[in-house]
Amino acid sequence: MPPMRSAFIALSRNRLLRGLAERSRLGVRLSSRFVAGMEIEDALRAAESVNKQGMHVTLDSLGESVSSGEEAEKAADVYHALLDAIAERKLDANISVKLTQMGLIVDPQLAEAIATNLAEHAKYVGNFVRIDMEDSALTDATLGIVRRVHARPELRGSIGIVIQAYLHRSQMDVDRLIADGLRVRLCKGAYNEPPEVAFAHKEDVDGNYVQLSKKLLSSSIYHGLATHDEKMITAATAFVKKRRISPSQFEFQMLYGVRRDLQRNLVAEGYNVRVYIPFGREWYPYFMRRLAERPANVLFLAKNLLRK
């Protein structure tokens, strides 16, 4: 892993810096490039703006591991409020949820119950819940919960999952998920994993991403390819043109505040684009991982700060 990426991932776990950053005006100002705001209303306004540009949205209330069932239920309440607000305002948006925020570490049964309740609510209002993938120690537990919820006939199609291309196991997982009929968001992965678990070199991650994207695009299920890497996008568009796969059969997914030019260009070319919009006061780990992914983000923020 490149030294800069390792450094930012390490910083994302520093509790002291996190506390200082999340309470500082400067930190909040810098985070605004990638985080829509602190409150639900901020996220809804951002979603409406993105919808007007012809793009779909997924909303994420930032936060990761909780330490009690009460905290997990409180975090879930935010998502229930989002589902109701999306339906009321007729937004083109769904929700993205981390199971550690729903109590996975504290009580896996509670996390599964919350995921089930969210899927039931999403089904009722005609929406969809995406369960995010976290570090590899939680992959089996996360997949197990999503597959069990999806296997319930009344909830089939109301829940989906994320797969990380840098994990060695992902080829096998994608095959199983396609067989289950589950919708997948494919990303490269943003956690610091050992080489026995994940590919250590970018070219290997890229190669696996392309292979996995072809598997997903060849299925009859509506999947999402989450990337800002133009090489990955070019590989996907070339494949769908060669196979005569309709652009309506899948979507590209990109992060709020990252490569807006590329987002607009893909929409102009007739592709579906979904923008991942995070919000909330616990923004620091997410923000640091965005800096870890692309050194250009660091340069952009430095230039923006100097202009101020």
C-alpha atoms as a PDB file:
ATOM      1  CA  MET A   1       0.000   0.000   0.000  1.00  0.00           C
ATOM      2  CA  PRO A   2       1.405   3.471  -0.896  1.00  0.00           C
ATOM      3  CA  PRO A   3       2.816   5.345   2.135  1.00  0.00           C
ATOM      4  CA  MET A   4       0.399   8.278   1.792  1.00  0.00           C
ATOM      5  CA  ARG A   5      -2.631   6.006   1.723  1.00  0.00           C
ATOM      6  CA  SER A   6      -1.371   4.048   4.742  1.00  0.00           C
ATOM      7  CA  ALA A   7      -0.791   7.288   6.627  1.00  0.00           C
ATOM      8  CA  PHE A   8      -4.290   8.630   6.006  1.00  0.00           C
ATOM      9  CA  ILE A   9      -5.921   5.304   6.896  1.00  0.00           C
ATOM     10  CA  ALA A  10      -3.944   5.289  10.156  1.00  0.00           C
ATOM     11  CA  LEU A  11      -5.043   8.876  10.831  1.00  0.00           C
ATOM     12  CA  SER A  12      -8.668   7.894  10.187  1.00  0.00           C
ATOM     13  CA  ARG A  13      -8.478   5.701  13.319  1.00  0.00           C
ATOM     14  CA  ASN A  14      -6.892   8.334  15.574  1.00  0.00           C
ATOM     15  CA  ARG A  15      -9.520   9.165  18.191  1.00  0.00           C
ATOM     16  CA  LEU A  16      -7.768  12.306  19.454  1.00  0.00           C
ATOM     17  CA  LEU A  17      -7.483  13.867  16.000  1.00  0.00           C
ATOM     18  CA  ARG A  18     -11.018  12.800  15.204  1.00  0.00           C
ATOM     19  CA  GLY A  19     -12.393  14.588  18.246  1.00  0.00           C
ATOM     20  CA  LEU A  20     -10.455  17.746  17.498  1.00  0.00           C
ATOM     21  CA  ALA A  21     -11.371  17.757  13.805  1.00  0.00           C
ATOM     22  CA  GLU A  22     -15.082  17.103  14.243  1.00  0.00           C
ATOM     23  CA  ARG A  23     -15.348  19.979  16.734  1.00  0.00           C
ATOM     24  CA  SER A  24     -13.348  22.497  14.717  1.00  0.00           C
ATOM     25  CA  ARG A  25     -14.739  24.990  12.232  1.00  0.00           C
ATOM     26  CA  LEU A  26     -11.805  24.416   9.903  1.00  0.00           C
ATOM     27  CA  GLY A  27     -12.383  20.676   9.902  1.00  0.00           C
ATOM     28  CA  VAL A  28     -16.068  21.073   9.115  1.00  0.00           C
ATOM     29  CA  ARG A  29     -15.250  23.549   6.341  1.00  0.00           C
ATOM     30  CA  LEU A  30     -12.701  21.202   4.749  1.00  0.00           C
ATOM     31  CA  SER A  31     -15.031  18.219   5.002  1.00  0.00           C
ATOM     32  CA  SER A  32     -17.784  20.068   3.129  1.00  0.00           C
ATOM     33  CA  ARG A  33     -16.172  19.096  -0.186  1.00  0.00           C
ATOM     34  CA  PHE A  34     -17.063  15.436   0.447  1.00  0.00           C
ATOM     35  CA  VAL A  35     -19.768  15.634   3.144  1.00  0.00           C
ATOM     36  CA  ALA A  36     -23.115  17.274   2.398  1.00  0.00           C
ATOM     37  CA  GLY A  37     -23.609  18.674   5.899  1.00  0.00           C
ATOM     38  CA  MET A  38     -24.290  17.770   9.488  1.00  0.00           C
ATOM     39  CA  GLU A  39     -28.077  17.268   9.442  1.00  0.00           C
ATOM     40  CA  ILE A  40     -30.706  15.277   7.516  1.00  0.00           C
ATOM     41  CA  GLU A  41     -32.019  18.453   5.902  1.00  0.00           C
ATOM     42  CA  ASP A  42     -28.556  19.188   4.473  1.00  0.00           C
ATOM     43  CA  ALA A  43     -28.460  15.752   2.846  1.00  0.00           C
ATOM     44  CA  LEU A  44     -31.972  16.089   1.428  1.00  0.00           C
ATOM     45  CA  ARG A  45     -31.129  19.447  -0.146  1.00  0.00           C
ATOM     46  CA  ALA A  46     -27.996  17.956  -1.695  1.00  0.00           C
ATOM     47  CA  ALA A  47     -30.010  15.004  -3.015  1.00  0.00           C
ATOM     48  CA  GLU A  48     -32.548  17.297  -4.621  1.00  0.00           C
ATOM     49  CA  SER A  49     -29.757  19.264  -6.315  1.00  0.00           C
ATOM     50  CA  VAL A  50     -28.097  16.109  -7.640  1.00  0.00           C
ATOM     51  CA  ASN A  51     -31.440  14.761  -8.893  1.00  0.00           C
ATOM     52  CA  LYS A  52     -31.935  17.974 -10.873  1.00  0.00           C
ATOM     53  CA  GLN A  53     -28.677  17.186 -12.682  1.00  0.00           C
ATOM     54  CA  GLY A  54     -30.146  13.881 -13.876  1.00  0.00           C
ATOM     55  CA  MET A  55     -28.436  11.639 -11.330  1.00  0.00           C
ATOM     56  CA  HIS A  56     -29.674   9.169  -8.722  1.00  0.00           C
ATOM     57  CA  VAL A  57     -28.578   9.377  -5.085  1.00  0.00           C
ATOM     58  CA  THR A  58     -27.764   7.141  -2.149  1.00  0.00           C
ATOM     59  CA  LEU A  59     -27.742   8.747   1.308  1.00  0.00           C
ATOM     60  CA  ASP A  60     -25.411   7.703   4.115  1.00  0.00           C
ATOM     61  CA  SER A  61     -25.677   8.881   7.724  1.00  0.00           C
ATOM     62  CA  LEU A  62     -22.033   8.807   8.770  1.00  0.00           C
ATOM     63  CA  GLY A  63     -20.990   6.757  11.760  1.00  0.00           C
ATOM     64  CA  GLU A  64     -19.383   3.386  12.329  1.00  0.00           C
ATOM     65  CA  SER A  65     -19.082   1.106  15.351  1.00  0.00           C
ATOM     66  CA  VAL A  66     -21.492   1.854  18.194  1.00  0.00           C
ATOM     67  CA  SER A  67     -20.979   0.692  21.773  1.00  0.00           C
ATOM     68  CA  SER A  68     -24.552  -0.045  22.822  1.00  0.00           C
ATOM     69  CA  GLY A  69     -27.873  -1.258  21.521  1.00  0.00           C
ATOM     70  CA  GLU A  70     -29.382   2.121  22.338  1.00  0.00           C
ATOM     71  CA  GLU A  71     -26.878   3.872  20.053  1.00  0.00           C
ATOM     72  CA  ALA A  72     -27.641   1.373  17.287  1.00  0.00           C
ATOM     73  CA  GLU A  73     -31.385   1.997  17.539  1.00  0.00           C
ATOM     74  CA  LYS A  74     -30.794   5.755  17.505  1.00  0.00           C
ATOM     75  CA  ALA A  75     -28.684   5.419  14.343  1.00  0.00           C
ATOM     76  CA  ALA A  76     -31.396   3.293  12.739  1.00  0.00           C
ATOM     77  CA  ASP A  77     -33.989   5.978  13.518  1.00  0.00           C
ATOM     78  CA  VAL A  78     -32.090   8.380  11.257  1.00  0.00           C
ATOM     79  CA  TYR A  79     -32.426   5.957   8.351  1.00  0.00           C
ATOM     80  CA  HIS A  80     -36.126   5.405   8.975  1.00  0.00           C
ATOM     81  CA  ALA A  81     -36.555   9.191   8.924  1.00  0.00           C
ATOM     82  CA  LEU A  82     -34.611   9.330   5.647  1.00  0.00           C
ATOM     83  CA  LEU A  83     -36.821   6.703   4.008  1.00  0.00           C
ATOM     84  CA  ASP A  84     -39.933   8.655   4.975  1.00  0.00           C
ATOM     85  CA  ALA A  85     -38.453  11.979   3.814  1.00  0.00           C
ATOM     86  CA  ILE A  86     -37.349  10.515   0.468  1.00  0.00           C
ATOM     87  CA  ALA A  87     -40.876   9.206  -0.141  1.00  0.00           C
ATOM     88  CA  GLU A  88     -42.528  12.446   0.982  1.00  0.00           C
ATOM     89  CA  ARG A  89     -40.337  14.626  -1.245  1.00  0.00           C
ATOM     90  CA  LYS A  90     -40.369  12.130  -4.120  1.00  0.00           C
ATOM     91  CA  LEU A  91     -36.586  12.097  -4.359  1.00  0.00           C
ATOM     92  CA  ASP A  92     -34.718   9.621  -6.537  1.00  0.00           C
ATOM     93  CA  ALA A  93     -32.646   8.272  -3.656  1.00  0.00           C
ATOM     94  CA  ASN A  94     -32.013   5.194  -1.552  1.00  0.00           C
ATOM     95  CA  ILE A  95     -29.991   4.590   1.637  1.00  0.00           C
ATOM     96  CA  SER A  96     -26.600   3.062   2.428  1.00  0.00           C
ATOM     97  CA  VAL A  97     -26.011   1.506   5.859  1.00  0.00           C
ATOM     98  CA  LYS A  98     -23.019   0.173   7.814  1.00  0.00           C
ATOM     99  CA  LEU A  99     -23.890  -2.774  10.048  1.00  0.00           C
ATOM    100  CA  THR A 100     -21.373  -1.783  12.731  1.00  0.00           C
ATOM    101  CA  GLN A 101     -23.440   1.397  13.105  1.00  0.00           C
ATOM    102  CA  MET A 102     -26.468  -0.875  13.586  1.00  0.00           C
ATOM    103  CA  GLY A 103     -24.764  -2.816  16.399  1.00  0.00           C
ATOM    104  CA  LEU A 104     -23.000  -5.655  14.570  1.00  0.00           C
ATOM    105  CA  ILE A 105     -20.078  -5.710  17.023  1.00  0.00           C
ATOM    106  CA  VAL A 106     -22.286  -5.291  20.098  1.00  0.00           C
ATOM    107  CA  ASP A 107     -25.062  -7.730  19.158  1.00  0.00           C
ATOM    108  CA  PRO A 108     -25.196  -9.364  15.705  1.00  0.00           C
ATOM    109  CA  GLN A 109     -28.834 -10.374  16.232  1.00  0.00           C
ATOM    110  CA  LEU A 110     -29.759  -6.759  16.882  1.00  0.00           C
ATOM    111  CA  ALA A 111     -27.938  -5.662  13.708  1.00  0.00           C
ATOM    112  CA  GLU A 112     -29.837  -8.265  11.691  1.00  0.00           C
ATOM    113  CA  ALA A 113     -33.153  -7.189  13.222  1.00  0.00           C
ATOM    114  CA  ILE A 114     -32.430  -3.549  12.370  1.00  0.00           C
ATOM    115  CA  ALA A 115     -31.403  -4.450   8.806  1.00  0.00           C
ATOM    116  CA  THR A 116     -34.611  -6.445   8.432  1.00  0.00           C
ATOM    117  CA  ASN A 117     -36.726  -3.552   9.739  1.00  0.00           C
ATOM    118  CA  LEU A 118     -35.046  -1.135   7.343  1.00  0.00           C
ATOM    119  CA  ALA A 119     -35.633  -3.503   4.423  1.00  0.00           C
ATOM    120  CA  GLU A 120     -39.288  -3.831   5.446  1.00  0.00           C
ATOM    121  CA  HIS A 121     -39.649  -0.041   5.613  1.00  0.00           C
ATOM    122  CA  ALA A 122     -37.885   0.355   2.250  1.00  0.00           C
ATOM    123  CA  LYS A 123     -40.187  -2.226   0.678  1.00  0.00           C
ATOM    124  CA  TYR A 124     -43.246  -0.443   2.063  1.00  0.00           C
ATOM    125  CA  VAL A 125     -42.257   2.934   0.573  1.00  0.00           C
ATOM    126  CA  GLY A 126     -40.895   1.477  -2.673  1.00  0.00           C
ATOM    127  CA  ASN A 127     -37.234   1.986  -1.856  1.00  0.00           C
ATOM    128  CA  PHE A 128     -34.010   0.032  -1.379  1.00  0.00           C
ATOM    129  CA  VAL A 129     -31.337  -0.456   1.317  1.00  0.00           C
ATOM    130  CA  ARG A 130     -27.676  -0.976   0.445  1.00  0.00           C
ATOM    131  CA  ILE A 131     -25.567  -2.586   3.176  1.00  0.00           C
ATOM    132  CA  ASP A 132     -22.000  -1.295   3.070  1.00  0.00           C
ATOM    133  CA  MET A 133     -19.000  -3.585   3.403  1.00  0.00           C
ATOM    134  CA  GLU A 134     -16.434  -2.814   6.091  1.00  0.00           C
ATOM    135  CA  ASP A 135     -13.098  -4.458   6.931  1.00  0.00           C
ATOM    136  CA  SER A 136     -12.518  -8.106   6.006  1.00  0.00           C
ATOM    137  CA  ALA A 137     -13.053  -9.400   9.558  1.00  0.00           C
ATOM    138  CA  LEU A 138     -16.742  -8.523   9.104  1.00  0.00           C
ATOM    139  CA  THR A 139     -17.250  -9.803   5.558  1.00  0.00           C
ATOM    140  CA  ASP A 140     -18.799 -13.162   6.449  1.00  0.00           C
ATOM    141  CA  ALA A 141     -21.127 -11.678   9.066  1.00  0.00           C
ATOM    142  CA  THR A 142     -22.246  -8.906   6.709  1.00  0.00           C
ATOM    143  CA  LEU A 143     -22.872 -11.244   3.789  1.00  0.00           C
ATOM    144  CA  GLY A 144     -24.752 -13.663   6.041  1.00  0.00           C
ATOM    145  CA  ILE A 145     -27.167 -11.012   7.276  1.00  0.00           C
ATOM    146  CA  VAL A 146     -27.837  -9.598   3.812  1.00  0.00           C
ATOM    147  CA  ARG A 147     -28.392 -13.013   2.256  1.00  0.00           C
ATOM    148  CA  ARG A 148     -30.814 -14.047   5.017  1.00  0.00           C
ATOM    149  CA  VAL A 149     -32.837 -10.836   4.721  1.00  0.00           C
ATOM    150  CA  HIS A 150     -32.916 -11.095   0.931  1.00  0.00           C
ATOM    151  CA  ALA A 151     -33.976 -14.760   1.140  1.00  0.00           C
ATOM    152  CA  ARG A 152     -37.260 -13.753   2.774  1.00  0.00           C
ATOM    153  CA  PRO A 153     -39.769 -13.743  -0.131  1.00  0.00           C
ATOM    154  CA  GLU A 154     -41.483 -10.550   1.026  1.00  0.00           C
ATOM    155  CA  LEU A 155     -38.152  -8.670   1.152  1.00  0.00           C
ATOM    156  CA  ARG A 156     -36.512  -9.967  -2.005  1.00  0.00           C
ATOM    157  CA  GLY A 157     -35.101  -7.052  -3.979  1.00  0.00           C
ATOM    158  CA  SER A 158     -35.287  -4.542  -1.127  1.00  0.00           C
ATOM    159  CA  ILE A 159     -31.712  -5.046   0.095  1.00  0.00           C
ATOM    160  CA  GLY A 160     -28.308  -5.130  -1.592  1.00  0.00           C
ATOM    161  CA  ILE A 161     -24.630  -5.476  -0.709  1.00  0.00           C
ATOM    162  CA  VAL A 162     -21.173  -4.067  -1.468  1.00  0.00           C
ATOM    163  CA  ILE A 163     -18.242  -6.175  -2.695  1.00  0.00           C
ATOM    164  CA  GLN A 164     -14.636  -4.985  -2.543  1.00  0.00           C
ATOM    165  CA  ALA A 165     -12.477  -5.916  -5.525  1.00  0.00           C
ATOM    166  CA  TYR A 166      -9.222  -5.933  -3.555  1.00  0.00           C
ATOM    167  CA  LEU A 167     -10.238  -9.024  -1.552  1.00  0.00           C
ATOM    168  CA  HIS A 168      -9.076 -12.394  -2.881  1.00  0.00           C
ATOM    169  CA  ARG A 169     -12.429 -13.961  -1.978  1.00  0.00           C
ATOM    170  CA  SER A 170     -14.566 -11.559  -4.020  1.00  0.00           C
ATOM    171  CA  GLN A 171     -14.736 -13.693  -7.188  1.00  0.00           C
ATOM    172  CA  MET A 172     -16.398 -16.464  -5.166  1.00  0.00           C
ATOM    173  CA  ASP A 173     -18.670 -14.024  -3.331  1.00  0.00           C
ATOM    174  CA  VAL A 174     -19.859 -12.381  -6.559  1.00  0.00           C
ATOM    175  CA  ASP A 175     -20.745 -15.756  -8.078  1.00  0.00           C
ATOM    176  CA  ARG A 176     -22.849 -16.623  -5.024  1.00  0.00           C
ATOM    177  CA  LEU A 177     -24.548 -13.239  -4.899  1.00  0.00           C
ATOM    178  CA  ILE A 178     -25.474 -13.377  -8.585  1.00  0.00           C
ATOM    179  CA  ALA A 179     -26.935 -16.841  -8.007  1.00  0.00           C
ATOM    180  CA  ASP A 180     -28.955 -15.399  -5.107  1.00  0.00           C
ATOM    181  CA  GLY A 181     -30.234 -12.555  -7.286  1.00  0.00           C
ATOM    182  CA  LEU A 182     -28.715  -9.877  -5.052  1.00  0.00           C
ATOM    183  CA  ARG A 183     -27.858  -6.402  -6.282  1.00  0.00           C
ATOM    184  CA  VAL A 184     -24.158  -5.597  -5.832  1.00  0.00           C
ATOM    185  CA  ARG A 185     -22.220  -2.357  -5.619  1.00  0.00           C
ATOM    186  CA  LEU A 186     -18.658  -3.117  -6.722  1.00  0.00           C
ATOM    187  CA  CYS A 187     -15.886  -0.919  -5.314  1.00  0.00           C
ATOM    188  CA  LYS A 188     -12.119  -1.318  -5.022  1.00  0.00           C
ATOM    189  CA  GLY A 189     -11.940  -1.176  -1.208  1.00  0.00           C
ATOM    190  CA  ALA A 190     -10.675   1.441   1.236  1.00  0.00           C
ATOM    191  CA  TYR A 191      -9.431  -0.459   4.298  1.00  0.00           C
ATOM    192  CA  ASN A 192      -5.900  -1.515   5.232  1.00  0.00           C
ATOM    193  CA  GLU A 193      -5.870  -5.300   4.691  1.00  0.00           C
ATOM    194  CA  PRO A 194      -3.021  -7.849   4.958  1.00  0.00           C
ATOM    195  CA  PRO A 195      -1.676  -9.403   1.725  1.00  0.00           C
ATOM    196  CA  GLU A 196      -3.064 -12.839   2.568  1.00  0.00           C
ATOM    197  CA  VAL A 197      -6.550 -11.296   2.453  1.00  0.00           C
ATOM    198  CA  ALA A 198      -6.277  -8.595  -0.215  1.00  0.00           C
ATOM    199  CA  PHE A 199      -4.277  -7.843  -3.346  1.00  0.00           C
ATOM    200  CA  ALA A 200      -1.280  -5.716  -2.422  1.00  0.00           C
ATOM    201  CA  HIS A 201      -0.697  -4.101  -5.824  1.00  0.00           C
ATOM    202  CA  LYS A 202      -2.956  -1.662  -7.658  1.00  0.00           C
ATOM    203  CA  GLU A 203      -2.663  -3.461 -10.983  1.00  0.00           C
ATOM    204  CA  ASP A 204      -3.971  -6.655  -9.379  1.00  0.00           C
ATOM    205  CA  VAL A 205      -6.877  -4.811  -7.758  1.00  0.00           C
ATOM    206  CA  ASP A 206      -7.678  -3.166 -11.092  1.00  0.00           C
ATOM    207  CA  GLY A 207      -7.541  -6.467 -12.931  1.00  0.00           C
ATOM    208  CA  ASN A 208      -9.892  -8.082 -10.433  1.00  0.00           C
ATOM    209  CA  TYR A 209     -12.237  -5.093 -10.596  1.00  0.00           C
ATOM    210  CA  VAL A 210     -12.539  -5.454 -14.375  1.00  0.00           C
ATOM    211  CA  GLN A 211     -13.178  -9.192 -14.149  1.00  0.00           C
ATOM    212  CA  LEU A 212     -15.800  -8.768 -11.436  1.00  0.00           C
ATOM    213  CA  SER A 213     -17.501  -5.934 -13.312  1.00  0.00           C
ATOM    214  CA  LYS A 214     -17.828  -8.152 -16.377  1.00  0.00           C
ATOM    215  CA  LYS A 215     -19.463 -10.880 -14.268  1.00  0.00           C
ATOM    216  CA  LEU A 216     -21.932  -8.382 -12.847  1.00  0.00           C
ATOM    217  CA  LEU A 217     -22.704  -6.717 -16.165  1.00  0.00           C
ATOM    218  CA  SER A 218     -23.321 -10.111 -17.769  1.00  0.00           C
ATOM    219  CA  SER A 219     -25.991 -11.000 -15.211  1.00  0.00           C
ATOM    220  CA  SER A 220     -29.625  -9.947 -15.515  1.00  0.00           C
ATOM    221  CA  ILE A 221     -29.483  -8.049 -12.208  1.00  0.00           C
ATOM    222  CA  TYR A 222     -29.204  -4.266 -11.843  1.00  0.00           C
ATOM    223  CA  HIS A 223     -25.769  -3.647 -10.297  1.00  0.00           C
ATOM    224  CA  GLY A 224     -23.649  -0.595  -9.521  1.00  0.00           C
ATOM    225  CA  LEU A 225     -20.016  -0.024 -10.473  1.00  0.00           C
ATOM    226  CA  ALA A 226     -18.516   2.354  -7.918  1.00  0.00           C
ATOM    227  CA  THR A 227     -15.369   3.962  -9.321  1.00  0.00           C
ATOM    228  CA  HIS A 228     -13.817   7.239 -10.402  1.00  0.00           C
ATOM    229  CA  ASP A 229     -11.042   5.434 -12.249  1.00  0.00           C
ATOM    230  CA  GLU A 230     -11.448   6.250 -15.920  1.00  0.00           C
ATOM    231  CA  LYS A 231      -9.655   3.042 -16.925  1.00  0.00           C
ATOM    232  CA  MET A 232     -12.269   0.982 -15.059  1.00  0.00           C
ATOM    233  CA  ILE A 233     -15.076   3.040 -16.590  1.00  0.00           C
ATOM    234  CA  THR A 234     -13.637   2.663 -20.094  1.00  0.00           C
ATOM    235  CA  ALA A 235     -13.323  -1.098 -19.606  1.00  0.00           C
ATOM    236  CA  ALA A 236     -16.960  -1.308 -18.510  1.00  0.00           C
ATOM    237  CA  THR A 237     -18.352   0.851 -21.331  1.00  0.00           C
ATOM    238  CA  ALA A 238     -16.331  -1.056 -23.927  1.00  0.00           C
ATOM    239  CA  PHE A 239     -17.650  -4.353 -22.555  1.00  0.00           C
ATOM    240  CA  VAL A 240     -21.315  -3.316 -22.578  1.00  0.00           C
ATOM    241  CA  LYS A 241     -21.015  -1.956 -26.112  1.00  0.00           C
ATOM    242  CA  LYS A 242     -19.385  -5.158 -27.315  1.00  0.00           C
ATOM    243  CA  ARG A 243     -22.030  -7.308 -25.612  1.00  0.00           C
ATOM    244  CA  ARG A 244     -24.846  -4.915 -26.546  1.00  0.00           C
ATOM    245  CA  ILE A 245     -25.865  -4.489 -22.927  1.00  0.00           C
ATOM    246  CA  SER A 246     -28.251  -1.578 -22.440  1.00  0.00           C
ATOM    247  CA  PRO A 247     -26.970   1.314 -20.279  1.00  0.00           C
ATOM    248  CA  SER A 248     -30.292   1.051 -18.422  1.00  0.00           C
ATOM    249  CA  GLN A 249     -29.221  -2.327 -17.000  1.00  0.00           C
ATOM    250  CA  PHE A 250     -26.622  -0.934 -14.581  1.00  0.00           C
ATOM    251  CA  GLU A 251     -25.282   2.257 -13.051  1.00  0.00           C
ATOM    252  CA  PHE A 252     -21.998   3.933 -12.267  1.00  0.00           C
ATOM    253  CA  GLN A 253     -21.681   5.159  -8.697  1.00  0.00           C
ATOM    254  CA  MET A 254     -19.499   8.035  -7.566  1.00  0.00           C
ATOM    255  CA  LEU A 255     -18.840   9.999  -4.414  1.00  0.00           C
ATOM    256  CA  TYR A 256     -20.257  13.404  -3.611  1.00  0.00           C
ATOM    257  CA  GLY A 257     -17.691  16.062  -4.451  1.00  0.00           C
ATOM    258  CA  VAL A 258     -15.381  13.783  -6.446  1.00  0.00           C
ATOM    259  CA  ARG A 259     -14.983  14.036 -10.235  1.00  0.00           C
ATOM    260  CA  ARG A 260     -18.151  16.009 -10.851  1.00  0.00           C
ATOM    261  CA  ASP A 261     -17.009  16.520 -14.445  1.00  0.00           C
ATOM    262  CA  LEU A 262     -16.897  12.769 -14.992  1.00  0.00           C
ATOM    263  CA  GLN A 263     -20.339  12.343 -13.444  1.00  0.00           C
ATOM    264  CA  ARG A 264     -21.844  14.897 -15.828  1.00  0.00           C
ATOM    265  CA  ASN A 265     -20.066  13.415 -18.848  1.00  0.00           C
ATOM    266  CA  LEU A 266     -21.397   9.930 -18.168  1.00  0.00           C
ATOM    267  CA  VAL A 267     -24.950  11.249 -17.815  1.00  0.00           C
ATOM    268  CA  ALA A 268     -24.542  13.098 -21.123  1.00  0.00           C
ATOM    269  CA  GLU A 269     -23.437   9.821 -22.735  1.00  0.00           C
ATOM    270  CA  GLY A 270     -26.644   8.117 -21.572  1.00  0.00           C
ATOM    271  CA  TYR A 271     -25.366   6.186 -18.566  1.00  0.00           C
ATOM    272  CA  ASN A 272     -27.055   5.975 -15.185  1.00  0.00           C
ATOM    273  CA  VAL A 273     -25.029   7.663 -12.436  1.00  0.00           C
ATOM    274  CA  ARG A 274     -25.714   7.482  -8.705  1.00  0.00           C
ATOM    275  CA  VAL A 275     -23.996   9.907  -6.326  1.00  0.00           C
ATOM    276  CA  TYR A 276     -23.193   8.679  -2.816  1.00  0.00           C
ATOM    277  CA  ILE A 277     -24.024  11.556  -0.444  1.00  0.00           C
ATOM    278  CA  PRO A 278     -22.794  11.249   3.162  1.00  0.00           C
ATOM    279  CA  PHE A 279     -23.802  13.552   5.991  1.00  0.00           C
ATOM    280  CA  GLY A 280     -23.541  13.767   9.760  1.00  0.00           C
ATOM    281  CA  ARG A 281     -21.312  14.915  12.580  1.00  0.00           C
ATOM    282  CA  GLU A 282     -19.176  11.751  12.621  1.00  0.00           C
ATOM    283  CA  TRP A 283     -17.528  12.626   9.324  1.00  0.00           C
ATOM    284  CA  TYR A 284     -13.807  12.317  10.163  1.00  0.00           C
ATOM    285  CA  PRO A 285     -13.089   8.604   9.328  1.00  0.00           C
ATOM    286  CA  TYR A 286     -14.948   8.889   6.027  1.00  0.00           C
ATOM    287  CA  PHE A 287     -13.144  12.124   5.139  1.00  0.00           C
ATOM    288  CA  MET A 288      -9.701  10.652   5.842  1.00  0.00           C
ATOM    289  CA  ARG A 289     -10.424   7.580   3.715  1.00  0.00           C
ATOM    290  CA  ARG A 290     -11.342   9.882   0.804  1.00  0.00           C
ATOM    291  CA  LEU A 291      -7.961  11.586   1.164  1.00  0.00           C
ATOM    292  CA  ALA A 292      -6.268   8.168   1.310  1.00  0.00           C
ATOM    293  CA  GLU A 293      -7.876   7.076  -1.953  1.00  0.00           C
ATOM    294  CA  ARG A 294      -6.727   9.965  -4.129  1.00  0.00           C
ATOM    295  CA  PRO A 295      -3.713  12.214  -3.478  1.00  0.00           C
ATOM    296  CA  ALA A 296      -5.375  14.703  -5.833  1.00  0.00           C
ATOM    297  CA  ASN A 297      -8.013  15.253  -3.148  1.00  0.00           C
ATOM    298  CA  VAL A 298      -5.295  16.424  -0.738  1.00  0.00           C
ATOM    299  CA  LEU A 299      -3.912  18.882  -3.309  1.00  0.00           C
ATOM    300  CA  PHE A 300      -7.384  20.170  -4.101  1.00  0.00           C
ATOM    301  CA  LEU A 301      -8.145  20.881  -0.439  1.00  0.00           C
ATOM    302  CA  ALA A 302      -4.761  22.535   0.126  1.00  0.00           C
ATOM    303  CA  LYS A 303      -5.312  24.878  -2.839  1.00  0.00           C
ATOM    304  CA  ASN A 304      -8.856  25.615  -1.717  1.00  0.00           C
ATOM    305  CA  LEU A 305      -7.644  26.439   1.800  1.00  0.00           C
ATOM    306  CA  LEU A 306      -4.951  28.773   0.505  1.00  0.00           C
ATOM    307  CA  ARG A 307      -7.532  30.669  -1.560  1.00  0.00           C
ATOM    308  CA  LYS A 308      -9.441  31.398   1.637  1.00  0.00           C
END
